[in-house]
């Protein structure tokens, strides 16, 4: 961290909310219905940080666009139903960190490739994730709010604006996918990777596996 921060922007799926099992199950149901020959786990990994339709375009270039759109809609409906009818857990340490950041004078926002309906499904799922998303409200940037999604920097730049930061140097973006890291790079924002080193694709970006580790990283920026 090169200077003190005023805002922390988070990705949502896989960073705040532990939704991987729901995405895997939705892809498994979708792959079976549409006879997709790539393993659902591989499709899921390719979709991290980007839209379902974009993933289908890359992995299944020979499919008609109308069929890709149908598959994407089916996968989304399946995922939404699974989430709404389940309890979604938070990633390690997030709740405690979320409670701590305002006391440090830091604003919080979310920049996600998920649709607004997906965010709403997470709110309805109950538990702490619903509390968090409801409290953030207008500080959540979802897929429909920008013409281009991640790794284009536009969604993150909008999230920064909504969080009230005046300069990109004041912001840190926390994500779990290569598209998140690239989005931060293009926006001129420092990036912290949540997850394993093998998925970070950057030895220069801090890597955390518990969100409380971010508090130590932020404290160093004030020293």
C-alpha atoms as a PDB file:
ATOM      1  CA  UNK A   1       0.000   0.000   0.000  1.00  0.00           C
ATOM      2  CA  UNK A   2       1.541   3.290  -1.117  1.00  0.00           C
ATOM      3  CA  UNK A   3      -0.719   5.742   0.687  1.00  0.00           C
ATOM      4  CA  UNK A   4      -3.556   5.793   3.253  1.00  0.00           C
ATOM      5  CA  UNK A   5      -6.861   4.501   1.950  1.00  0.00           C
ATOM      6  CA  UNK A   6     -10.337   5.982   2.275  1.00  0.00           C
ATOM      7  CA  UNK A   7     -12.342   3.166   0.664  1.00  0.00           C
ATOM      8  CA  UNK A   8     -12.369  -0.594   0.287  1.00  0.00           C
ATOM      9  CA  UNK A   9     -14.274  -2.080  -2.660  1.00  0.00           C
ATOM     10  CA  UNK A  10     -15.061  -5.794  -2.683  1.00  0.00           C
ATOM     11  CA  UNK A  11     -16.022  -8.331  -5.271  1.00  0.00           C
ATOM     12  CA  UNK A  12     -19.023 -10.373  -4.092  1.00  0.00           C
ATOM     13  CA  UNK A  13     -19.161 -14.046  -5.130  1.00  0.00           C
ATOM     14  CA  UNK A  14     -16.184 -15.948  -3.776  1.00  0.00           C
ATOM     15  CA  UNK A  15     -14.848 -12.873  -1.993  1.00  0.00           C
ATOM     16  CA  UNK A  16     -17.610 -11.948   0.452  1.00  0.00           C
ATOM     17  CA  UNK A  17     -20.155 -14.716  -0.081  1.00  0.00           C
ATOM     18  CA  UNK A  18     -19.210 -18.394  -0.154  1.00  0.00           C
ATOM     19  CA  UNK A  19     -21.272 -19.239  -3.237  1.00  0.00           C
ATOM     20  CA  UNK A  20     -18.947 -21.651  -5.033  1.00  0.00           C
ATOM     21  CA  UNK A  21     -21.015 -24.754  -4.264  1.00  0.00           C
ATOM     22  CA  UNK A  22     -24.144 -23.076  -5.641  1.00  0.00           C
ATOM     23  CA  UNK A  23     -22.371 -22.079  -8.865  1.00  0.00           C
ATOM     24  CA  UNK A  24     -20.953 -25.596  -9.239  1.00  0.00           C
ATOM     25  CA  UNK A  25     -24.361 -27.168  -8.716  1.00  0.00           C
ATOM     26  CA  UNK A  26     -25.998 -24.729 -11.142  1.00  0.00           C
ATOM     27  CA  UNK A  27     -23.340 -25.483 -13.775  1.00  0.00           C
ATOM     28  CA  UNK A  28     -23.777 -29.234 -13.213  1.00  0.00           C
ATOM     29  CA  UNK A  29     -27.542 -28.993 -13.773  1.00  0.00           C
ATOM     30  CA  UNK A  30     -27.014 -26.744 -16.788  1.00  0.00           C
ATOM     31  CA  UNK A  31     -24.306 -28.952 -18.330  1.00  0.00           C
ATOM     32  CA  UNK A  32     -26.531 -32.005 -18.043  1.00  0.00           C
ATOM     33  CA  UNK A  33     -29.558 -30.284 -19.545  1.00  0.00           C
ATOM     34  CA  UNK A  34     -27.650 -28.858 -22.526  1.00  0.00           C
ATOM     35  CA  UNK A  35     -25.118 -31.702 -22.938  1.00  0.00           C
ATOM     36  CA  UNK A  36     -22.126 -29.432 -22.422  1.00  0.00           C
ATOM     37  CA  UNK A  37     -19.001 -31.558 -22.787  1.00  0.00           C
ATOM     38  CA  UNK A  38     -16.688 -29.477 -20.589  1.00  0.00           C
ATOM     39  CA  UNK A  39     -16.735 -30.504 -16.883  1.00  0.00           C
ATOM     40  CA  UNK A  40     -18.864 -28.134 -14.772  1.00  0.00           C
ATOM     41  CA  UNK A  41     -15.920 -27.449 -12.441  1.00  0.00           C
ATOM     42  CA  UNK A  42     -13.833 -26.239 -15.401  1.00  0.00           C
ATOM     43  CA  UNK A  43     -16.663 -24.035 -16.661  1.00  0.00           C
ATOM     44  CA  UNK A  44     -17.016 -22.535 -13.204  1.00  0.00           C
ATOM     45  CA  UNK A  45     -13.308 -21.723 -12.959  1.00  0.00           C
ATOM     46  CA  UNK A  46     -13.435 -20.022 -16.348  1.00  0.00           C
ATOM     47  CA  UNK A  47     -16.414 -17.929 -15.238  1.00  0.00           C
ATOM     48  CA  UNK A  48     -14.801 -16.423 -12.132  1.00  0.00           C
ATOM     49  CA  UNK A  49     -14.988 -12.642 -12.230  1.00  0.00           C
ATOM     50  CA  UNK A  50     -16.807 -12.482 -15.563  1.00  0.00           C
ATOM     51  CA  UNK A  51     -20.312 -13.032 -16.924  1.00  0.00           C
ATOM     52  CA  UNK A  52     -21.863 -16.386 -17.762  1.00  0.00           C
ATOM     53  CA  UNK A  53     -22.524 -15.335 -21.340  1.00  0.00           C
ATOM     54  CA  UNK A  54     -18.925 -14.218 -21.842  1.00  0.00           C
ATOM     55  CA  UNK A  55     -17.737 -17.555 -20.460  1.00  0.00           C
ATOM     56  CA  UNK A  56     -19.973 -19.471 -22.846  1.00  0.00           C
ATOM     57  CA  UNK A  57     -18.705 -17.440 -25.791  1.00  0.00           C
ATOM     58  CA  UNK A  58     -15.121 -18.363 -24.944  1.00  0.00           C
ATOM     59  CA  UNK A  59     -15.672 -22.028 -24.108  1.00  0.00           C
ATOM     60  CA  UNK A  60     -18.336 -22.821 -26.697  1.00  0.00           C
ATOM     61  CA  UNK A  61     -17.588 -20.640 -29.744  1.00  0.00           C
ATOM     62  CA  UNK A  62     -19.445 -22.966 -32.131  1.00  0.00           C
ATOM     63  CA  UNK A  63     -22.814 -22.562 -30.405  1.00  0.00           C
ATOM     64  CA  UNK A  64     -25.419 -20.192 -31.793  1.00  0.00           C
ATOM     65  CA  UNK A  65     -25.616 -16.966 -29.803  1.00  0.00           C
ATOM     66  CA  UNK A  66     -29.316 -17.525 -29.150  1.00  0.00           C
ATOM     67  CA  UNK A  67     -28.525 -20.907 -27.593  1.00  0.00           C
ATOM     68  CA  UNK A  68     -25.754 -19.404 -25.463  1.00  0.00           C
ATOM     69  CA  UNK A  69     -28.231 -16.814 -24.208  1.00  0.00           C
ATOM     70  CA  UNK A  70     -30.731 -19.563 -23.401  1.00  0.00           C
ATOM     71  CA  UNK A  71     -28.090 -21.536 -21.501  1.00  0.00           C
ATOM     72  CA  UNK A  72     -26.984 -18.439 -19.590  1.00  0.00           C
ATOM     73  CA  UNK A  73     -30.581 -17.658 -18.605  1.00  0.00           C
ATOM     74  CA  UNK A  74     -31.173 -21.220 -17.444  1.00  0.00           C
ATOM     75  CA  UNK A  75     -27.973 -21.280 -15.399  1.00  0.00           C
ATOM     76  CA  UNK A  76     -28.860 -17.941 -13.801  1.00  0.00           C
ATOM     77  CA  UNK A  77     -32.394 -19.059 -12.898  1.00  0.00           C
ATOM     78  CA  UNK A  78     -31.030 -22.276 -11.418  1.00  0.00           C
ATOM     79  CA  UNK A  79     -28.409 -20.412  -9.404  1.00  0.00           C
ATOM     80  CA  UNK A  80     -30.892 -17.855  -8.096  1.00  0.00           C
ATOM     81  CA  UNK A  81     -33.280 -20.579  -6.946  1.00  0.00           C
ATOM     82  CA  UNK A  82     -30.503 -22.460  -5.163  1.00  0.00           C
ATOM     83  CA  UNK A  83     -29.302 -19.342  -3.342  1.00  0.00           C
ATOM     84  CA  UNK A  84     -32.733 -18.097  -2.303  1.00  0.00           C
ATOM     85  CA  UNK A  85     -33.541 -21.445  -0.725  1.00  0.00           C
ATOM     86  CA  UNK A  86     -30.254 -21.875   1.139  1.00  0.00           C
ATOM     87  CA  UNK A  87     -28.204 -20.252   3.869  1.00  0.00           C
ATOM     88  CA  UNK A  88     -25.165 -18.593   2.299  1.00  0.00           C
ATOM     89  CA  UNK A  89     -22.101 -18.370   4.490  1.00  0.00           C
ATOM     90  CA  UNK A  90     -19.598 -15.530   4.525  1.00  0.00           C
ATOM     91  CA  UNK A  91     -15.957 -16.023   3.640  1.00  0.00           C
ATOM     92  CA  UNK A  92     -13.602 -16.258   6.659  1.00  0.00           C
ATOM     93  CA  UNK A  93     -13.227 -13.084   8.673  1.00  0.00           C
ATOM     94  CA  UNK A  94     -15.439 -10.899   6.491  1.00  0.00           C
ATOM     95  CA  UNK A  95     -18.130 -10.055   9.049  1.00  0.00           C
ATOM     96  CA  UNK A  96     -15.587  -8.922  11.633  1.00  0.00           C
ATOM     97  CA  UNK A  97     -13.705  -6.876   9.026  1.00  0.00           C
ATOM     98  CA  UNK A  98     -16.901  -5.287   7.734  1.00  0.00           C
ATOM     99  CA  UNK A  99     -17.731  -4.207  11.265  1.00  0.00           C
ATOM    100  CA  UNK A 100     -14.224  -2.790  11.799  1.00  0.00           C
ATOM    101  CA  UNK A 101     -13.701  -0.743   8.627  1.00  0.00           C
ATOM    102  CA  UNK A 102     -16.129   2.147   9.369  1.00  0.00           C
ATOM    103  CA  UNK A 103     -14.432   2.709  12.728  1.00  0.00           C
ATOM    104  CA  UNK A 104     -11.195   3.200  10.806  1.00  0.00           C
ATOM    105  CA  UNK A 105     -12.855   5.876   8.675  1.00  0.00           C
ATOM    106  CA  UNK A 106     -13.062   3.641   5.610  1.00  0.00           C
ATOM    107  CA  UNK A 107     -16.006   3.559   3.214  1.00  0.00           C
ATOM    108  CA  UNK A 108     -17.130   0.200   1.816  1.00  0.00           C
ATOM    109  CA  UNK A 109     -18.493  -0.706  -1.613  1.00  0.00           C
ATOM    110  CA  UNK A 110     -19.107  -3.730  -3.820  1.00  0.00           C
ATOM    111  CA  UNK A 111     -18.246  -4.193  -7.500  1.00  0.00           C
ATOM    112  CA  UNK A 112     -19.594  -7.471  -8.841  1.00  0.00           C
ATOM    113  CA  UNK A 113     -20.137  -9.119 -12.219  1.00  0.00           C
ATOM    114  CA  UNK A 114     -23.357 -10.591 -10.817  1.00  0.00           C
ATOM    115  CA  UNK A 115     -26.738  -9.288 -11.863  1.00  0.00           C
ATOM    116  CA  UNK A 116     -28.873  -7.210  -9.507  1.00  0.00           C
ATOM    117  CA  UNK A 117     -31.263 -10.160  -9.226  1.00  0.00           C
ATOM    118  CA  UNK A 118     -28.383 -12.301  -7.979  1.00  0.00           C
ATOM    119  CA  UNK A 119     -27.561  -9.706  -5.336  1.00  0.00           C
ATOM    120  CA  UNK A 120     -31.230  -9.672  -4.324  1.00  0.00           C
ATOM    121  CA  UNK A 121     -31.242 -13.466  -4.068  1.00  0.00           C
ATOM    122  CA  UNK A 122     -28.298 -13.252  -1.673  1.00  0.00           C
ATOM    123  CA  UNK A 123     -30.183 -10.673   0.389  1.00  0.00           C
ATOM    124  CA  UNK A 124     -33.155 -13.042   0.610  1.00  0.00           C
ATOM    125  CA  UNK A 125     -31.004 -16.008   1.555  1.00  0.00           C
ATOM    126  CA  UNK A 126     -30.868 -14.763   5.120  1.00  0.00           C
ATOM    127  CA  UNK A 127     -28.067 -14.724   7.620  1.00  0.00           C
ATOM    128  CA  UNK A 128     -25.280 -12.182   7.801  1.00  0.00           C
ATOM    129  CA  UNK A 129     -24.952 -11.750   4.022  1.00  0.00           C
ATOM    130  CA  UNK A 130     -28.470 -10.306   3.879  1.00  0.00           C
ATOM    131  CA  UNK A 131     -27.649  -7.837   6.640  1.00  0.00           C
ATOM    132  CA  UNK A 132     -24.492  -6.706   4.881  1.00  0.00           C
ATOM    133  CA  UNK A 133     -25.995  -6.257   1.416  1.00  0.00           C
ATOM    134  CA  UNK A 134     -29.044  -4.438   2.767  1.00  0.00           C
ATOM    135  CA  UNK A 135     -26.840  -2.015   4.688  1.00  0.00           C
ATOM    136  CA  UNK A 136     -24.683  -1.222   1.642  1.00  0.00           C
ATOM    137  CA  UNK A 137     -27.616  -0.585  -0.672  1.00  0.00           C
ATOM    138  CA  UNK A 138     -26.529   2.186  -3.039  1.00  0.00           C
ATOM    139  CA  UNK A 139     -22.861   1.250  -2.759  1.00  0.00           C
ATOM    140  CA  UNK A 140     -23.289  -1.941  -4.811  1.00  0.00           C
ATOM    141  CA  UNK A 141     -22.394  -1.939  -8.513  1.00  0.00           C
ATOM    142  CA  UNK A 142     -23.914  -4.915 -10.342  1.00  0.00           C
ATOM    143  CA  UNK A 143     -23.686  -6.131 -13.933  1.00  0.00           C
ATOM    144  CA  UNK A 144     -26.508  -4.014 -15.398  1.00  0.00           C
ATOM    145  CA  UNK A 145     -25.085  -0.710 -14.177  1.00  0.00           C
ATOM    146  CA  UNK A 146     -22.319  -0.551 -16.804  1.00  0.00           C
ATOM    147  CA  UNK A 147     -22.300  -1.372 -20.502  1.00  0.00           C
ATOM    148  CA  UNK A 148     -19.057  -3.318 -20.172  1.00  0.00           C
ATOM    149  CA  UNK A 149     -18.222  -5.601 -17.267  1.00  0.00           C
ATOM    150  CA  UNK A 150     -14.957  -6.666 -15.659  1.00  0.00           C
ATOM    151  CA  UNK A 151     -12.126  -6.665 -16.570  1.00  0.00           C
ATOM    152  CA  UNK A 152     -13.181  -3.324 -18.086  1.00  0.00           C
ATOM    153  CA  UNK A 153     -12.490  -0.737 -15.343  1.00  0.00           C
ATOM    154  CA  UNK A 154     -15.843   1.051 -15.684  1.00  0.00           C
ATOM    155  CA  UNK A 155     -17.718  -0.932 -12.964  1.00  0.00           C
ATOM    156  CA  UNK A 156     -14.912  -0.426 -10.461  1.00  0.00           C
ATOM    157  CA  UNK A 157     -14.604   3.275 -11.281  1.00  0.00           C
ATOM    158  CA  UNK A 158     -18.349   3.643 -10.686  1.00  0.00           C
ATOM    159  CA  UNK A 159     -18.068   1.788  -7.377  1.00  0.00           C
ATOM    160  CA  UNK A 160     -15.240   4.121  -6.355  1.00  0.00           C
ATOM    161  CA  UNK A 161     -17.408   7.137  -7.156  1.00  0.00           C
ATOM    162  CA  UNK A 162     -20.328   5.755  -5.152  1.00  0.00           C
ATOM    163  CA  UNK A 163     -18.006   5.076  -2.216  1.00  0.00           C
ATOM    164  CA  UNK A 164     -17.021   8.742  -2.190  1.00  0.00           C
ATOM    165  CA  UNK A 165     -13.330   8.356  -2.976  1.00  0.00           C
ATOM    166  CA  UNK A 166     -11.788  11.315  -4.777  1.00  0.00           C
ATOM    167  CA  UNK A 167      -8.755   9.507  -6.222  1.00  0.00           C
ATOM    168  CA  UNK A 168      -8.165   5.932  -7.296  1.00  0.00           C
ATOM    169  CA  UNK A 169      -4.986   5.925  -5.186  1.00  0.00           C
ATOM    170  CA  UNK A 170      -7.223   6.083  -2.109  1.00  0.00           C
ATOM    171  CA  UNK A 171      -8.886   2.766  -2.914  1.00  0.00           C
ATOM    172  CA  UNK A 172      -8.075  -0.908  -2.519  1.00  0.00           C
ATOM    173  CA  UNK A 173     -10.057  -3.537  -4.411  1.00  0.00           C
ATOM    174  CA  UNK A 174     -10.406  -7.037  -2.935  1.00  0.00           C
ATOM    175  CA  UNK A 175     -11.269  -9.838  -5.363  1.00  0.00           C
ATOM    176  CA  UNK A 176     -10.744 -13.524  -6.019  1.00  0.00           C
ATOM    177  CA  UNK A 177     -10.302 -13.830  -9.786  1.00  0.00           C
ATOM    178  CA  UNK A 178      -7.911 -12.792 -12.565  1.00  0.00           C
ATOM    179  CA  UNK A 179     -10.631 -10.520 -13.984  1.00  0.00           C
ATOM    180  CA  UNK A 180     -10.756  -8.672 -10.646  1.00  0.00           C
ATOM    181  CA  UNK A 181      -7.004  -8.112 -10.658  1.00  0.00           C
ATOM    182  CA  UNK A 182      -7.028  -6.895 -14.268  1.00  0.00           C
ATOM    183  CA  UNK A 183      -9.982  -4.606 -13.562  1.00  0.00           C
ATOM    184  CA  UNK A 184      -8.055  -3.042 -10.665  1.00  0.00           C
ATOM    185  CA  UNK A 185      -4.941  -2.636 -12.819  1.00  0.00           C
ATOM    186  CA  UNK A 186      -6.861  -0.847 -15.561  1.00  0.00           C
ATOM    187  CA  UNK A 187      -8.573   1.411 -13.028  1.00  0.00           C
ATOM    188  CA  UNK A 188      -5.271   2.301 -11.351  1.00  0.00           C
ATOM    189  CA  UNK A 189      -6.387   0.762  -8.065  1.00  0.00           C
ATOM    190  CA  UNK A 190      -4.298  -1.329  -5.674  1.00  0.00           C
ATOM    191  CA  UNK A 191      -5.447  -4.935  -5.511  1.00  0.00           C
ATOM    192  CA  UNK A 192      -5.601  -7.517  -2.731  1.00  0.00           C
ATOM    193  CA  UNK A 193      -6.311 -11.100  -3.730  1.00  0.00           C
ATOM    194  CA  UNK A 194      -8.591 -13.191  -1.540  1.00  0.00           C
ATOM    195  CA  UNK A 195      -7.880 -16.900  -1.899  1.00  0.00           C
ATOM    196  CA  UNK A 196      -4.901 -19.022  -2.799  1.00  0.00           C
ATOM    197  CA  UNK A 197      -1.619 -17.911  -4.301  1.00  0.00           C
ATOM    198  CA  UNK A 198      -2.133 -20.166  -7.325  1.00  0.00           C
ATOM    199  CA  UNK A 199      -5.213 -18.192  -8.356  1.00  0.00           C
ATOM    200  CA  UNK A 200      -3.766 -14.726  -7.745  1.00  0.00           C
ATOM    201  CA  UNK A 201      -1.557 -14.656 -10.859  1.00  0.00           C
ATOM    202  CA  UNK A 202       0.502 -11.921  -9.231  1.00  0.00           C
ATOM    203  CA  UNK A 203       3.367 -12.165  -6.782  1.00  0.00           C
ATOM    204  CA  UNK A 204       3.231  -8.386  -6.280  1.00  0.00           C
ATOM    205  CA  UNK A 205      -0.366  -8.290  -5.030  1.00  0.00           C
ATOM    206  CA  UNK A 206      -0.975  -9.103  -1.358  1.00  0.00           C
ATOM    207  CA  UNK A 207      -2.780 -12.427  -0.865  1.00  0.00           C
ATOM    208  CA  UNK A 208      -5.109 -13.054   2.083  1.00  0.00           C
ATOM    209  CA  UNK A 209      -7.131 -16.093   3.104  1.00  0.00           C
ATOM    210  CA  UNK A 210      -8.953 -14.434   6.001  1.00  0.00           C
ATOM    211  CA  UNK A 211     -10.414 -10.960   5.572  1.00  0.00           C
ATOM    212  CA  UNK A 212      -9.062  -9.853   8.941  1.00  0.00           C
ATOM    213  CA  UNK A 213      -5.606  -9.953   7.369  1.00  0.00           C
ATOM    214  CA  UNK A 214      -6.666  -6.924   5.321  1.00  0.00           C
ATOM    215  CA  UNK A 215      -6.784  -4.806   8.478  1.00  0.00           C
ATOM    216  CA  UNK A 216      -3.046  -5.327   8.988  1.00  0.00           C
ATOM    217  CA  UNK A 217      -2.329  -4.445   5.367  1.00  0.00           C
ATOM    218  CA  UNK A 218      -4.362  -1.242   5.657  1.00  0.00           C
ATOM    219  CA  UNK A 219      -2.646  -0.258   8.897  1.00  0.00           C
ATOM    220  CA  UNK A 220       0.731  -0.366   7.134  1.00  0.00           C
ATOM    221  CA  UNK A 221      -0.507   2.214   4.630  1.00  0.00           C
ATOM    222  CA  UNK A 222      -0.790   4.728   7.483  1.00  0.00           C
ATOM    223  CA  UNK A 223       2.753   4.153   8.709  1.00  0.00           C
END
